[in-house]
Amino acid sequence: MPGYLICLGDPVLCMHGGIGQTIPTNLRVKVNGKPIVLQNNVYAIAGCSLLTSGGPFCATAQWTRTATRVKSNGVPVILQDSQAECQTTKNGVLLQPTQLRIKGI
């Protein structure tokens, strides 16, 4: 399904309310001045409300489903319908694109 591209700074939340942040790996492609997110971007999750004795349960999230036809430097881009899972819980993340101009498949 087509979906809007996700950019750096767009809200990414774990299922328990934690906020995801990443460092862009590709600064060449931008939408509205913000770098797009690629499959190799790992998100660090802060503020996950599901706690264990070792700390927050959701610590990082890795992309498992991405665009199939749109790539940047050979790496698939992340769309609003892409899926990631937290490495410890295997729960998904919630994505909310802020740009509504560019879609991909």
Protein backbone atom coordinates (compact mmCIF):
# COMPACT_ATOMS: atom_id res chain seq x y z
CA MET A 1 0.00 0.00 0.00
CA PRO A 2 1.25 3.51 -0.67
CA GLY A 3 1.95 5.73 2.30
CA TYR A 4 3.55 9.04 3.17
CA LEU A 5 7.29 9.06 3.78
CA ILE A 6 8.40 9.30 7.41
CA CYS A 7 10.92 12.05 8.14
CA LEU A 8 13.32 12.68 11.00
CA GLY A 9 11.33 14.18 13.86
CA ASP A 10 7.98 12.59 12.93
CA PRO A 11 6.36 11.01 16.01
CA VAL A 12 7.36 7.38 16.58
CA LEU A 13 5.91 5.82 19.75
CA CYS A 14 6.17 2.38 21.31
CA MET A 15 2.90 0.74 22.33
CA HIS A 16 3.53 1.81 25.93
CA GLY A 17 3.95 5.53 25.19
CA GLY A 18 7.74 5.69 24.84
CA ILE A 19 9.10 8.18 22.33
CA GLY A 20 11.49 7.04 19.61
CA GLN A 21 14.48 9.04 18.42
CA THR A 22 17.00 8.17 15.72
CA ILE A 23 20.07 9.58 14.05
CA PRO A 24 19.64 9.84 10.27
CA THR A 25 21.98 7.68 8.21
CA ASN A 26 21.31 9.45 4.91
CA LEU A 27 21.15 13.24 4.69
CA ARG A 28 20.89 13.38 0.89
CA VAL A 29 17.12 13.03 0.54
CA LYS A 30 14.95 15.52 2.40
CA VAL A 31 11.26 16.38 2.44
CA ASN A 32 10.39 19.89 3.60
CA GLY A 33 14.00 20.24 4.75
CA LYS A 34 13.94 17.13 6.99
CA PRO A 35 15.89 13.93 6.19
CA ILE A 36 13.78 10.87 5.44
CA VAL A 37 14.00 7.73 7.57
CA LEU A 38 15.51 4.56 6.08
CA GLN A 39 15.33 0.89 7.01
CA ASN A 40 18.77 0.97 8.62
CA ASN A 41 17.70 3.68 11.11
CA VAL A 42 17.38 2.11 14.57
CA TYR A 43 15.18 4.02 17.01
CA ALA A 44 16.12 4.44 20.67
CA ILE A 45 12.95 4.42 22.77
CA ALA A 46 12.80 6.69 25.83
CA GLY A 47 10.01 6.83 28.39
CA CYS A 48 8.50 3.37 27.88
CA SER A 49 5.99 2.92 30.70
CA LEU A 50 6.42 -0.88 30.79
CA LEU A 51 9.24 -1.28 33.33
CA THR A 52 11.20 -4.35 34.37
CA SER A 53 13.83 -4.75 37.06
CA GLY A 54 16.45 -3.99 34.42
CA GLY A 55 14.82 -0.74 33.28
CA PRO A 56 12.39 0.18 30.48
CA PHE A 57 11.15 -2.77 28.46
CA CYS A 58 11.23 -1.10 25.04
CA ALA A 59 14.74 0.22 24.44
CA THR A 60 15.24 0.04 20.67
CA ALA A 61 13.07 -0.58 17.61
CA GLN A 62 14.16 -1.99 14.24
CA TRP A 63 12.19 -1.77 10.98
CA THR A 64 10.75 -5.07 9.76
CA ARG A 65 8.49 -3.90 6.87
CA THR A 66 9.44 -1.02 4.60
CA ALA A 67 8.77 0.43 1.16
CA THR A 68 9.14 -2.13 -1.60
CA ARG A 69 9.74 0.19 -4.54
CA VAL A 70 11.26 3.38 -3.14
CA LYS A 71 14.88 3.41 -1.97
CA SER A 72 17.55 5.94 -1.18
CA ASN A 73 21.13 4.84 -1.91
CA GLY A 74 19.78 1.28 -2.22
CA VAL A 75 18.11 1.27 1.22
CA PRO A 76 14.29 1.09 1.47
CA VAL A 77 12.56 4.18 2.86
CA ILE A 78 10.06 4.14 5.74
CA LEU A 79 6.41 4.85 5.00
CA GLN A 80 3.49 5.52 7.31
CA ASP A 81 2.40 1.88 6.94
CA SER A 82 5.89 0.48 7.62
CA GLN A 83 6.34 -1.70 10.67
CA ALA A 84 9.01 -1.87 13.32
CA GLU A 85 9.25 -3.93 16.44
CA CYS A 86 10.81 -3.21 19.79
CA GLN A 87 13.73 -5.58 20.24
CA THR A 88 12.70 -6.85 23.68
CA THR A 89 8.89 -7.04 23.49
CA LYS A 90 8.44 -7.60 19.74
CA ASN A 91 5.58 -5.06 19.96
CA GLY A 92 5.13 -2.62 17.11
CA VAL A 93 5.49 1.13 17.02
CA LEU A 94 3.01 3.84 16.05
CA LEU A 95 3.97 6.21 13.22
CA GLN A 96 2.47 9.59 12.45
CA PRO A 97 3.81 11.39 9.35
CA THR A 98 3.85 15.17 9.52
CA GLN A 99 4.43 15.75 5.82
CA LEU A 100 1.51 15.01 3.53
CA ARG A 101 3.13 15.70 0.15
CA ILE A 102 5.23 12.67 -0.84
CA LYS A 103 4.02 9.08 -0.96
CA GLY A 104 5.84 5.89 -1.81
CA ILE A 105 5.10 2.20 -2.33
